[in-house]
C-alpha cells in the first residue's frame, strides 16, 4: 500500500508542478491554450494567475518534502497537509471554476491520502 501511496503522491506532485508552470512561466503561451483564453484575457489575468501558480508551487513543495525529508514522520505530516490542501482546493475549483478540476486535483489527492493512511 505504501508503494501505491508513493505513486499517487508523486502523480499529485507532478500535476502541481505542471499547473505551477502553466500559471506562471507558460501562461502566455501553453497556458493560454490550456485555459482557452483570448490574448486580451491572458494579459488581464496574467498577474493573478502568476500568484495562483505560486500557491500551486507551494503545494508541490509540500509534497516534495514527503519524499526528501530524512524524518519519515515529518515527511508524512507534509504529505497529509499537502494532499488535504490539494483536495480542498480541487473541491473549491470544481465549485467555482470548472467541475473537471475535481477529477484532476481532488480525486488523485484523496486516493493518495487514503492509500497513505492505509499504509501507516
C-alpha atoms as a PDB file:
ATOM      1  CA  UNK A   1       0.000   0.000   0.000  1.00  0.00           C
ATOM      2  CA  UNK A   2       2.929   2.322   0.664  1.00  0.00           C
ATOM      3  CA  UNK A   3       4.108   1.883  -2.922  1.00  0.00           C
ATOM      4  CA  UNK A   4       0.658   2.877  -4.190  1.00  0.00           C
ATOM      5  CA  UNK A   5       0.648   5.895  -1.852  1.00  0.00           C
ATOM      6  CA  UNK A   6       4.079   6.944  -3.114  1.00  0.00           C
ATOM      7  CA  UNK A   7       2.991   6.643  -6.749  1.00  0.00           C
ATOM      8  CA  UNK A   8      -0.194   8.654  -6.138  1.00  0.00           C
ATOM      9  CA  UNK A   9       1.638  11.336  -4.151  1.00  0.00           C
ATOM     10  CA  UNK A  10       4.207  11.542  -6.951  1.00  0.00           C
ATOM     11  CA  UNK A  11       1.442  11.972  -9.521  1.00  0.00           C
ATOM     12  CA  UNK A  12      -0.193  14.766  -7.496  1.00  0.00           C
ATOM     13  CA  UNK A  13       3.205  16.432  -7.084  1.00  0.00           C
ATOM     14  CA  UNK A  14       3.854  16.305 -10.845  1.00  0.00           C
ATOM     15  CA  UNK A  15       0.351  17.600 -11.629  1.00  0.00           C
ATOM     16  CA  UNK A  16       1.013  20.607  -9.395  1.00  0.00           C
ATOM     17  CA  UNK A  17       4.438  21.274 -10.869  1.00  0.00           C
ATOM     18  CA  UNK A  18       2.738  21.317 -14.276  1.00  0.00           C
ATOM     19  CA  UNK A  19      -0.041  23.615 -13.032  1.00  0.00           C
ATOM     20  CA  UNK A  20       2.603  25.885 -11.447  1.00  0.00           C
ATOM     21  CA  UNK A  21       4.416  26.123 -14.790  1.00  0.00           C
ATOM     22  CA  UNK A  22       1.167  26.708 -16.731  1.00  0.00           C
ATOM     23  CA  UNK A  23       0.094  29.529 -14.447  1.00  0.00           C
ATOM     24  CA  UNK A  24       3.475  31.238 -14.200  1.00  0.00           C
ATOM     25  CA  UNK A  25       6.167  30.917 -16.877  1.00  0.00           C
ATOM     26  CA  UNK A  26       3.987  29.279 -19.555  1.00  0.00           C
ATOM     27  CA  UNK A  27       0.777  31.247 -19.015  1.00  0.00           C
ATOM     28  CA  UNK A  28       1.066  33.451 -22.101  1.00  0.00           C
ATOM     29  CA  UNK A  29       1.856  30.505 -24.387  1.00  0.00           C
ATOM     30  CA  UNK A  30       0.802  26.996 -23.349  1.00  0.00           C
ATOM     31  CA  UNK A  31      -1.411  28.281 -20.510  1.00  0.00           C
ATOM     32  CA  UNK A  32      -3.415  30.373 -22.949  1.00  0.00           C
ATOM     33  CA  UNK A  33      -4.226  27.260 -24.988  1.00  0.00           C
ATOM     34  CA  UNK A  34      -4.957  25.017 -21.995  1.00  0.00           C
ATOM     35  CA  UNK A  35      -7.276  27.559 -20.355  1.00  0.00           C
ATOM     36  CA  UNK A  36      -8.789  28.580 -23.730  1.00  0.00           C
ATOM     37  CA  UNK A  37      -8.241  32.305 -23.279  1.00  0.00           C
ATOM     38  CA  UNK A  38      -8.018  35.177 -25.719  1.00  0.00           C
ATOM     39  CA  UNK A  39      -4.887  37.287 -25.861  1.00  0.00           C
ATOM     40  CA  UNK A  40      -6.738  40.113 -24.107  1.00  0.00           C
ATOM     41  CA  UNK A  41      -7.901  37.787 -21.317  1.00  0.00           C
ATOM     42  CA  UNK A  42      -4.368  36.483 -20.857  1.00  0.00           C
ATOM     43  CA  UNK A  43      -2.931  39.964 -20.412  1.00  0.00           C
ATOM     44  CA  UNK A  44      -5.629  40.899 -17.926  1.00  0.00           C
ATOM     45  CA  UNK A  45      -5.341  37.665 -15.919  1.00  0.00           C
ATOM     46  CA  UNK A  46      -1.551  37.120 -16.014  1.00  0.00           C
ATOM     47  CA  UNK A  47      -0.701  38.753 -12.648  1.00  0.00           C
ATOM     48  CA  UNK A  48      -3.435  36.890 -10.758  1.00  0.00           C
ATOM     49  CA  UNK A  49      -2.620  33.591 -12.450  1.00  0.00           C
ATOM     50  CA  UNK A  50       1.045  34.002 -11.597  1.00  0.00           C
ATOM     51  CA  UNK A  51       0.097  34.473  -7.957  1.00  0.00           C
ATOM     52  CA  UNK A  52      -2.184  31.433  -8.110  1.00  0.00           C
ATOM     53  CA  UNK A  53       0.643  29.476  -9.720  1.00  0.00           C
ATOM     54  CA  UNK A  54       2.866  30.242  -6.748  1.00  0.00           C
ATOM     55  CA  UNK A  55       0.330  28.600  -4.452  1.00  0.00           C
ATOM     56  CA  UNK A  56       0.317  25.505  -6.641  1.00  0.00           C
ATOM     57  CA  UNK A  57       4.102  25.530  -6.434  1.00  0.00           C
ATOM     58  CA  UNK A  58       3.874  25.587  -2.634  1.00  0.00           C
ATOM     59  CA  UNK A  59       1.563  22.557  -2.726  1.00  0.00           C
ATOM     60  CA  UNK A  60       4.072  20.721  -4.905  1.00  0.00           C
ATOM     61  CA  UNK A  61       6.854  21.712  -2.493  1.00  0.00           C
ATOM     62  CA  UNK A  62       4.932  20.294   0.490  1.00  0.00           C
ATOM     63  CA  UNK A  63       4.576  17.001  -1.344  1.00  0.00           C
ATOM     64  CA  UNK A  64       8.261  17.036  -2.314  1.00  0.00           C
ATOM     65  CA  UNK A  65       9.148  17.312   1.374  1.00  0.00           C
ATOM     66  CA  UNK A  66       7.413  13.954   1.859  1.00  0.00           C
ATOM     67  CA  UNK A  67       9.972  12.320  -0.429  1.00  0.00           C
ATOM     68  CA  UNK A  68      13.010  14.347   0.663  1.00  0.00           C
ATOM     69  CA  UNK A  69      12.792  14.857   4.425  1.00  0.00           C
ATOM     70  CA  UNK A  70      15.040  12.485   6.399  1.00  0.00           C
ATOM     71  CA  UNK A  71      12.495  12.116   9.206  1.00  0.00           C
ATOM     72  CA  UNK A  72       9.602   9.928   7.981  1.00  0.00           C
ATOM     73  CA  UNK A  73       7.109  11.378  10.475  1.00  0.00           C
ATOM     74  CA  UNK A  74       7.833  14.925   9.333  1.00  0.00           C
ATOM     75  CA  UNK A  75       7.630  13.926   5.684  1.00  0.00           C
ATOM     76  CA  UNK A  76       4.357  12.133   6.332  1.00  0.00           C
ATOM     77  CA  UNK A  77       2.907  15.234   8.014  1.00  0.00           C
ATOM     78  CA  UNK A  78       3.805  17.329   4.962  1.00  0.00           C
ATOM     79  CA  UNK A  79       2.170  14.757   2.661  1.00  0.00           C
ATOM     80  CA  UNK A  80      -1.052  14.709   4.681  1.00  0.00           C
ATOM     81  CA  UNK A  81      -1.146  18.509   4.779  1.00  0.00           C
ATOM     82  CA  UNK A  82      -0.324  18.873   1.073  1.00  0.00           C
ATOM     83  CA  UNK A  83      -2.828  16.257  -0.071  1.00  0.00           C
ATOM     84  CA  UNK A  84      -5.576  17.683   2.125  1.00  0.00           C
ATOM     85  CA  UNK A  85      -4.925  21.186   0.756  1.00  0.00           C
ATOM     86  CA  UNK A  86      -4.968  19.901  -2.836  1.00  0.00           C
ATOM     87  CA  UNK A  87      -8.238  18.040  -2.223  1.00  0.00           C
ATOM     88  CA  UNK A  88      -9.934  21.103  -0.719  1.00  0.00           C
ATOM     89  CA  UNK A  89      -8.583  23.398  -3.445  1.00  0.00           C
ATOM     90  CA  UNK A  90      -9.902  20.972  -6.052  1.00  0.00           C
ATOM     91  CA  UNK A  91     -13.348  20.980  -4.478  1.00  0.00           C
ATOM     92  CA  UNK A  92     -13.342  24.780  -4.438  1.00  0.00           C
ATOM     93  CA  UNK A  93     -12.123  24.914  -8.036  1.00  0.00           C
ATOM     94  CA  UNK A  94     -14.813  22.490  -9.142  1.00  0.00           C
ATOM     95  CA  UNK A  95     -17.478  24.566  -7.416  1.00  0.00           C
ATOM     96  CA  UNK A  96     -16.279  27.935  -8.707  1.00  0.00           C
ATOM     97  CA  UNK A  97     -14.461  27.373 -11.999  1.00  0.00           C
ATOM     98  CA  UNK A  98     -14.950  24.015 -13.677  1.00  0.00           C
ATOM     99  CA  UNK A  99     -16.187  20.609 -12.498  1.00  0.00           C
ATOM    100  CA  UNK A 100     -13.285  18.889 -14.286  1.00  0.00           C
ATOM    101  CA  UNK A 101     -10.923  20.228 -11.595  1.00  0.00           C
ATOM    102  CA  UNK A 102     -12.487  17.789  -9.131  1.00  0.00           C
ATOM    103  CA  UNK A 103     -11.150  14.870 -11.173  1.00  0.00           C
ATOM    104  CA  UNK A 104      -7.776  16.432 -11.933  1.00  0.00           C
ATOM    105  CA  UNK A 105      -6.950  17.529  -8.378  1.00  0.00           C
ATOM    106  CA  UNK A 106      -9.300  16.184  -5.729  1.00  0.00           C
ATOM    107  CA  UNK A 107      -9.638  12.562  -6.802  1.00  0.00           C
ATOM    108  CA  UNK A 108      -5.884  11.832  -7.076  1.00  0.00           C
ATOM    109  CA  UNK A 109      -5.194  13.689  -3.812  1.00  0.00           C
ATOM    110  CA  UNK A 110      -7.965  11.860  -1.951  1.00  0.00           C
ATOM    111  CA  UNK A 111      -6.782   8.497  -3.273  1.00  0.00           C
ATOM    112  CA  UNK A 112      -3.203   9.321  -2.275  1.00  0.00           C
ATOM    113  CA  UNK A 113      -4.323  10.367   1.194  1.00  0.00           C
ATOM    114  CA  UNK A 114      -6.372   7.197   1.617  1.00  0.00           C
ATOM    115  CA  UNK A 115      -3.500   4.990   0.443  1.00  0.00           C
ATOM    116  CA  UNK A 116      -1.095   6.798   2.773  1.00  0.00           C
ATOM    117  CA  UNK A 117      -3.427   6.347   5.752  1.00  0.00           C
ATOM    118  CA  UNK A 118      -3.925   2.652   4.958  1.00  0.00           C
ATOM    119  CA  UNK A 119      -0.160   2.150   4.636  1.00  0.00           C
ATOM    120  CA  UNK A 120       0.542   3.519   8.133  1.00  0.00           C
END
